[in-house]
Protein backbone atom coordinates (compact mmCIF):
# COMPACT_ATOMS: atom_id res chain seq x y z
CA MET A 1 0.06 0.10 -0.03
CA SER A 2 1.37 3.47 -0.86
CA VAL A 3 1.38 6.10 1.83
CA ASP A 4 0.37 9.64 1.10
CA GLN A 5 3.65 11.83 1.17
CA SER A 6 1.44 14.93 1.51
CA VAL A 7 0.91 14.79 4.98
CA ASP A 8 0.67 18.10 7.15
CA PRO A 9 4.47 18.29 8.56
CA MET A 10 2.93 19.34 11.95
CA ARG A 11 1.44 15.83 12.12
CA HIS A 12 4.13 13.75 10.91
CA ALA A 13 7.89 13.16 11.35
CA ALA A 14 9.00 16.54 10.92
CA TYR A 15 9.90 17.71 14.34
CA SER A 16 10.93 15.88 17.52
CA ASN A 17 11.93 16.54 21.22
CA HIS A 18 15.55 16.88 21.38
CA HIS A 19 15.75 16.87 25.32
CA LEU A 20 15.54 13.29 25.46
CA ALA A 21 18.06 11.25 27.61
CA SER A 22 20.51 9.18 25.35
CA GLU A 23 19.35 5.97 26.40
CA VAL A 24 15.69 6.84 25.80
CA ALA A 25 16.64 8.24 22.63
CA PHE A 26 18.67 4.98 21.66
CA ARG A 27 15.67 2.86 22.54
CA ILE A 28 13.27 4.77 20.20
CA ALA A 29 15.83 4.69 17.41
CA ASN A 30 16.51 1.16 17.42
CA PHE A 31 13.20 -0.40 18.35
CA THR A 32 11.90 -2.80 15.90
CA PRO A 33 8.65 -4.75 16.33
CA ASN A 34 8.12 -8.59 15.49
CA ALA A 35 6.12 -7.60 12.43
CA PRO A 36 6.62 -8.14 8.46
CA LYS A 37 8.70 -5.63 7.06
CA SER A 38 6.11 -4.58 4.54
CA LEU A 39 4.07 -3.26 7.78
CA TRP A 40 7.00 -1.68 9.43
CA SER A 41 7.97 0.65 6.52
CA GLU A 42 10.16 3.52 6.57
CA ASP A 43 7.26 5.84 6.75
CA VAL A 44 5.64 3.98 9.65
CA GLN A 45 8.80 4.07 11.27
CA ARG A 46 9.61 7.88 11.03
CA PHE A 47 5.94 8.48 12.24
CA THR A 48 6.27 6.32 15.20
CA ARG A 49 9.48 7.25 16.44
CA SER A 50 8.70 11.03 15.88
CA ALA A 51 5.46 10.61 17.90
CA VAL A 52 7.19 8.76 20.76
CA SER A 53 9.96 11.29 20.67
CA ASP A 54 7.67 14.25 21.06
CA PHE A 55 5.95 12.51 23.94
CA ALA A 56 9.33 12.60 25.81
CA PRO A 57 9.35 9.28 27.70
CA VAL A 58 11.04 9.86 31.14
CA ASN A 59 13.14 6.67 30.91
CA GLU A 60 13.97 3.66 28.93
CA ASP A 61 11.40 1.31 30.22
CA GLU A 62 8.79 3.83 29.33
CA ALA A 63 10.13 4.50 25.98
CA ALA A 64 9.97 0.80 25.20
CA ARG A 65 6.55 0.54 26.24
CA TYR A 66 5.16 3.40 24.33
CA ILE A 67 7.04 2.78 21.15
CA SER A 68 5.68 -0.75 21.09
CA ALA A 69 2.12 0.59 21.47
CA VAL A 70 2.30 3.36 19.14
CA ALA A 71 4.04 1.01 16.42
CA TRP A 72 1.20 -1.60 16.54
CA LEU A 73 -1.42 0.96 16.62
CA THR A 74 0.32 2.72 13.47
CA MET A 75 0.80 -0.43 11.53
CA TRP A 76 -2.71 -1.82 11.98
CA SER A 77 -4.17 1.76 11.01
CA VAL A 78 -2.02 1.95 7.83
CA GLU A 79 -2.53 -1.70 6.66
CA PRO A 80 -5.27 -2.84 6.75
CA GLY A 81 -6.79 0.15 8.07
CA GLY A 82 -6.19 2.31 4.91
CA LEU A 83 -5.52 5.43 7.21
CA PRO A 84 -3.16 8.30 6.37
CA LEU A 85 -0.15 9.03 8.69
CA ASP A 86 -1.70 11.90 10.31
CA ARG A 87 -1.68 12.25 14.25
CA GLN A 88 -5.15 13.58 14.51
CA ILE A 89 -6.41 10.33 12.72
CA ILE A 90 -4.19 7.72 14.03
CA PHE A 91 -4.43 8.70 17.89
CA ASP A 92 -8.19 9.64 17.32
CA ALA A 93 -10.25 7.81 20.14
CA ALA A 94 -12.45 5.99 17.76
CA ASN A 95 -9.56 4.61 15.83
CA ARG A 96 -7.97 3.56 19.16
CA ARG A 97 -10.99 1.71 20.20
CA ARG A 98 -11.21 -0.12 16.65
CA PHE A 99 -7.54 -1.14 17.00
CA LEU A 100 -8.20 -2.54 20.41
CA ALA A 101 -11.23 -4.48 19.40
CA ARG A 102 -10.34 -5.62 16.16
CA GLY A 103 -6.57 -5.28 15.53
CA HIS A 104 -5.57 -6.53 19.24
CA THR A 105 -7.47 -9.82 19.06
CA SER A 106 -4.51 -12.14 19.76
CA ARG A 107 -3.81 -10.53 23.25
CA GLY A 108 -5.51 -11.10 26.43
CA ALA A 109 -7.70 -8.54 28.43
CA ALA A 110 -4.80 -7.40 30.66
CA SER A 111 -2.77 -6.77 27.64
CA LYS A 112 -5.32 -4.75 25.99
CA ALA A 113 -6.05 -2.69 29.05
CA GLY A 114 -2.50 -1.66 29.18
CA PHE A 115 -2.07 -0.80 25.50
CA SER A 116 -5.44 1.41 25.94
CA TYR A 117 -3.86 3.15 29.09
CA LEU A 118 -0.56 3.76 26.95
CA LEU A 119 -2.34 5.11 23.84
CA GLU A 120 -4.77 7.33 25.89
CA ARG A 121 -1.98 9.01 27.56
CA ILE A 122 0.26 9.53 24.47
CA ALA A 123 -2.64 10.84 22.49
CA ALA A 124 -3.53 13.27 25.20
CA ASP A 125 -0.10 14.70 24.89
CA LEU A 126 0.39 14.51 21.21
CA LEU A 127 -3.01 16.10 19.99
CA THR A 128 -2.11 19.13 22.33
CA PHE A 129 1.76 19.22 21.39
CA ASP A 130 3.17 22.58 20.90
CA PRO A 131 6.40 22.36 18.74
CA ALA A 132 7.50 25.85 19.84
CA ARG A 133 7.84 24.30 23.44
CA PRO A 134 8.90 20.77 22.75
CA GLY A 135 10.55 20.50 26.19
CA VAL A 136 7.57 21.16 28.26
CA ARG A 137 5.40 18.57 29.26
CA VAL A 138 1.87 19.66 29.08
CA PRO A 139 -0.34 18.55 32.03
CA ARG A 140 -2.64 15.46 31.02
CA PRO A 141 -5.88 16.64 29.52
CA THR A 142 -7.49 13.85 31.04
CA GLU A 143 -7.07 15.77 34.54
CA PRO A 144 -10.30 17.19 35.79
CA PHE A 145 -9.35 20.77 35.14
CA ALA A 146 -7.49 20.85 31.80
CA PRO A 147 -9.15 22.91 29.09
CA TYR A 148 -10.37 21.43 25.90
CA SER A 149 -8.68 22.32 22.52
CA SER A 150 -10.78 24.04 19.81
CA ALA A 151 -11.05 20.79 18.13
CA GLU A 152 -12.63 18.95 21.00
CA ILE A 153 -15.17 21.88 21.59
CA SER A 154 -16.13 21.93 17.83
CA ARG A 155 -16.84 18.06 18.08
CA PHE A 156 -18.92 18.54 21.28
CA ARG A 157 -21.03 21.28 19.55
CA SER A 158 -21.62 19.14 16.43
CA GLN A 159 -22.79 16.35 18.74
CA THR A 160 -25.90 18.26 19.98
CA MET A 161 -28.01 17.23 16.99
CA THR A 162 -26.84 13.47 17.22
CA ARG A 163 -28.57 12.91 20.55
CA SER A 164 -31.40 10.77 20.53
CA THR A 165 -34.19 12.72 21.86
CA ALA A 166 -35.15 16.32 21.77
CA LEU A 167 -34.85 16.38 25.38
CA GLN A 168 -31.36 15.09 25.38
CA ARG A 169 -30.37 17.69 22.48
CA ALA A 170 -31.62 20.39 24.81
CA ARG A 171 -29.82 19.26 27.93
CA TRP A 172 -26.53 18.62 25.95
CA ARG A 173 -26.83 21.94 24.55
CA ALA A 174 -27.33 23.53 28.13
CA LEU A 175 -24.25 21.75 29.50
CA LEU A 176 -22.01 22.88 26.66
CA THR A 177 -23.52 26.48 26.43
CA LEU A 178 -23.52 27.20 30.16
CA GLY A 179 -20.13 25.41 30.82
CA ALA A 180 -18.04 26.71 27.84
CA GLY A 181 -19.80 30.02 27.08
CA LEU A 182 -20.55 31.30 30.78
CA ALA A 183 -18.13 29.03 32.92
CA LEU A 184 -20.80 28.10 35.26
CA SER A 185 -20.29 25.14 37.67
CA VAL A 186 -22.29 21.90 37.64
CA ALA A 187 -24.64 23.11 40.25
CA GLU A 188 -24.96 26.57 38.75
CA ILE A 189 -25.89 24.88 35.42
CA MET A 190 -28.54 22.54 36.89
CA LEU A 191 -30.26 25.46 38.89
CA ALA A 192 -29.95 28.11 36.10
CA GLU A 193 -33.23 29.48 35.19
CA VAL A 194 -34.61 31.32 32.08
CA SER A 195 -35.31 34.29 33.94
CA ASP A 196 -31.43 34.77 34.84
CA VAL A 197 -30.57 35.55 31.18
CA GLU A 198 -30.58 38.98 30.14
CA ASP A 199 -30.62 39.42 26.32
CA ASN A 200 -29.41 43.10 25.52
CA GLY A 201 -29.71 42.58 21.97
CA ASP A 202 -26.05 42.69 21.08
CA HIS A 203 -24.88 40.70 24.11
CA LEU A 204 -26.32 38.31 26.78
CA VAL A 205 -25.67 38.45 30.40
CA MET A 206 -26.29 35.77 33.03
CA HIS A 207 -27.05 36.63 36.26
CA VAL A 208 -25.97 33.63 38.80
CA GLY A 209 -27.08 32.82 42.20
CA GLY A 210 -29.80 35.33 42.21
CA GLY A 211 -27.93 38.06 40.95
CA GLU A 212 -24.73 37.47 43.20
CA ARG A 213 -22.58 37.93 39.97
CA SER A 214 -23.03 38.67 36.33
CA VAL A 215 -21.10 36.87 33.28
CA VAL A 216 -21.01 38.04 29.79
CA CYS A 217 -21.41 35.14 27.60
CA LEU A 218 -18.82 34.62 24.96
CA ALA A 219 -19.93 35.85 21.48
CA VAL A 220 -19.24 32.46 19.71
CA TRP A 221 -21.73 30.92 22.24
CA GLU A 222 -24.57 33.48 21.98
CA SER A 223 -26.29 31.76 19.23
CA GLU A 224 -26.20 28.52 21.25
CA LEU A 225 -27.70 30.28 24.18
CA ARG A 226 -30.45 32.09 22.24
CA ALA A 227 -31.45 28.64 20.68
CA LEU A 228 -31.65 27.11 24.20
CA LEU A 229 -33.85 30.01 25.36
CA LYS A 230 -36.24 29.04 22.40
CA ASP A 231 -36.12 25.43 22.76
CA PRO A 232 -39.66 23.98 23.32
CA GLU A 233 -38.22 21.50 25.99
CA VAL A 234 -36.88 24.56 28.14
CA ASP A 235 -39.44 26.08 30.56
CA THR A 236 -38.24 27.30 33.92
CA PHE A 237 -34.79 25.75 33.88
CA LEU A 238 -32.16 26.12 31.03
CA TYR A 239 -31.26 22.48 31.59
CA PRO A 240 -34.97 20.93 31.00
CA LYS A 241 -36.13 19.19 34.14
CA PRO A 242 -39.55 19.27 35.80
CA VAL A 243 -38.41 20.27 39.28
CA ARG A 244 -35.52 21.98 40.91
CA PRO A 245 -33.10 19.11 41.44
CA LYS A 246 -32.14 18.16 45.14
CA ARG A 247 -28.79 16.67 44.01
CA PRO A 248 -27.69 18.65 40.89
CA ALA A 249 -24.10 17.28 40.50
CA PHE A 250 -25.43 13.65 40.63
CA GLN A 251 -28.26 14.45 37.93
CA ALA A 252 -25.62 15.96 35.74
CA LYS A 253 -23.31 12.97 36.23
CA GLN A 254 -26.12 10.43 35.25
CA PHE A 255 -26.98 12.44 32.07
CA ILE A 256 -23.54 12.57 30.90
CA GLY A 257 -22.87 9.07 31.63
CA ILE A 258 -25.74 8.37 29.22
CA ALA A 259 -25.24 11.15 26.63
CA ALA A 260 -21.48 11.59 26.25
CA ASN A 261 -19.53 9.40 24.05
CA PRO A 262 -17.26 7.00 25.86
CA GLY A 263 -13.58 7.80 26.01
CA GLU A 264 -13.82 11.57 25.24
CA GLY A 265 -13.48 12.74 28.92
CA PHE A 266 -16.41 14.98 28.81
CA LYS A 267 -16.24 17.06 32.11
CA ILE A 268 -18.21 20.36 32.96
CA GLU A 269 -14.84 21.46 34.84
CA ARG A 270 -12.94 21.28 31.57
CA LEU A 271 -15.53 23.42 30.10
CA ARG A 272 -15.27 25.99 32.66
CA SER A 273 -11.27 25.78 32.24
CA THR A 274 -11.62 26.41 28.62
CA TRP A 275 -13.48 29.60 29.21
CA ILE A 276 -10.88 30.76 31.77
CA VAL A 277 -7.90 30.07 29.53
CA THR A 278 -9.61 31.65 26.54
CA HIS A 279 -10.12 34.96 28.56
CA VAL A 280 -6.45 35.05 30.23
CA ASN A 281 -4.91 34.37 26.69
CA ALA A 282 -7.29 37.07 25.13
CA GLY A 283 -5.86 39.72 27.64
CA THR A 284 -9.05 39.85 29.95
CA ALA A 285 -8.22 41.69 33.31
CA LEU A 286 -7.81 39.25 36.09
CA VAL A 287 -9.85 40.95 38.68
CA PRO A 288 -12.99 41.37 36.69
CA LEU A 289 -12.47 37.76 35.53
CA MET A 290 -12.27 36.36 39.09
CA GLU A 291 -15.52 38.32 39.91
CA ALA A 292 -17.41 36.69 36.91
CA LEU A 293 -15.91 33.38 38.12
CA GLY A 294 -17.04 33.72 41.68
CA VAL A 295 -13.58 33.20 42.96
CA LYS A 296 -11.47 35.06 45.48
CA SER A 297 -8.39 33.12 45.20
CA LEU A 298 -5.70 33.13 42.39
CA SER A 299 -5.27 29.13 42.99
CA THR A 300 -8.15 28.52 40.43
CA LEU A 301 -5.94 30.22 37.85
CA GLU A 302 -2.47 29.23 39.06
CA ARG A 303 -3.32 25.43 38.30
CA LEU A 304 -4.24 26.50 34.75
CA ALA A 305 -0.86 28.36 34.29
CA PRO A 306 0.61 25.55 32.05
CA PHE A 307 -1.97 26.18 29.35
CA PHE A 308 -1.78 30.11 29.22
CA ALA A 309 0.19 31.53 26.21
CA HIS A 310 3.53 32.39 26.74
CA PRO A 311 4.51 35.64 25.21
CA SER A 312 7.94 35.90 23.58
CA GLY A 313 10.96 37.67 25.17
CA GLU A 314 10.39 40.75 23.23
CA GLU A 315 6.58 40.97 23.93
CA LEU A 316 7.37 40.30 27.55
CA ILE A 317 9.98 43.25 27.66
CA THR A 318 7.56 45.47 25.98
CA ALA A 319 4.83 44.51 28.32
CA PHE A 320 6.99 45.13 31.51
CA ARG A 321 8.28 48.49 30.25
CA LEU A 322 4.85 49.63 29.58
CA ALA A 323 6.30 51.35 26.55
CA GLY A 324 3.97 53.72 24.39
CA ARG A 325 1.44 53.87 27.41
CA SER A 326 0.55 57.35 28.51
CA GLU A 327 1.41 58.20 32.30
C-alpha cells in the first residue's frame, strides 16, 4: 500500500523533542517490532519514532512500552486500516478503540487494558503538542481541570444534533453553552433559570446565584444560548427538568454517563477551564475575570498556568516596560 506523502508536517515526522536522555533516544531509534517488514515501512517508522520522541518518555522502560504500543497501532491503522499517517487520525479515540477491538485480538484483556492506557496517555499529549515548546510536558488533558482544545469543543458542539431525543439535545446544549460559554459550575448549570438570562440585543448576560454575580456570554456561544432559550423543551430551567434538583451534581453525572461518547472525557469543569484559558490568553483583566467566576483566590487560575499563552521575550520586555503608554 502506498502512503500519502503530502501529510501535514506538523502531524508527521517533521519535528522531535531533542531533550531526551541518550538511553531513551537510543531505545526509540533502535526499536523494531516482531512484524513483517512490509508493515514496518520507513514511513511508519518515522511517524512512530517522531510521535514517541515528542511524547518525551521519562526513562528507557517507558520508551520501550510506548513505542511498542504506538508501532502496533500505526501499523494496523495503515494496513489494513488504510488511514493516512496523520496524528489527528491515528490517535483519534475512535481509531484507538477499533484497534483494541479488531487489531489486537490475539492479546488478553490485561494486555489490551495496558495498551489502552498507554495510547490514551500519549494521544492526550500529542494532540495538544506545541512544537514551539517541545521540552515542556503539558499536564494530561484527562485531568479534571485541563481545558479542551478548539477541535474538541467543535466536536462536542457538532454532537448536539446527534443526541437521540429532543430532551437530550436540549440538555446537551445546556451543558455545553453554560459551561463553555459562561463558565458555570455543575450546580449552577443545573439550577440556572430562563429568567436569569438578560438579552441586551448585542450581548447576553447571565445573572448567577440570584444576581450575586454576572457573566457576559462569549460571542461564539450567543447563538447557542439564544437557541436554548427558544427550545420547546426549556421551561423554567435552562437545563430542562420538571423540578428543582435536590442533587444537581448527581443528576448531571447521570446524564453525561448516558449522553456523552465513551472515552472523550467530557467534564463540566474542563468546559469552565476552557472559558478561563480563553479569556486569560485574550488579555482579559484578572480581577473582573475572578469576579465573573465567583472566586476570590488566584489558585483557580494558578493550576491552569501551563495552558496560558507564553509571550516571546520581546513581547514580555515591551509589556513590563509599559512602553508607549501615557502616564
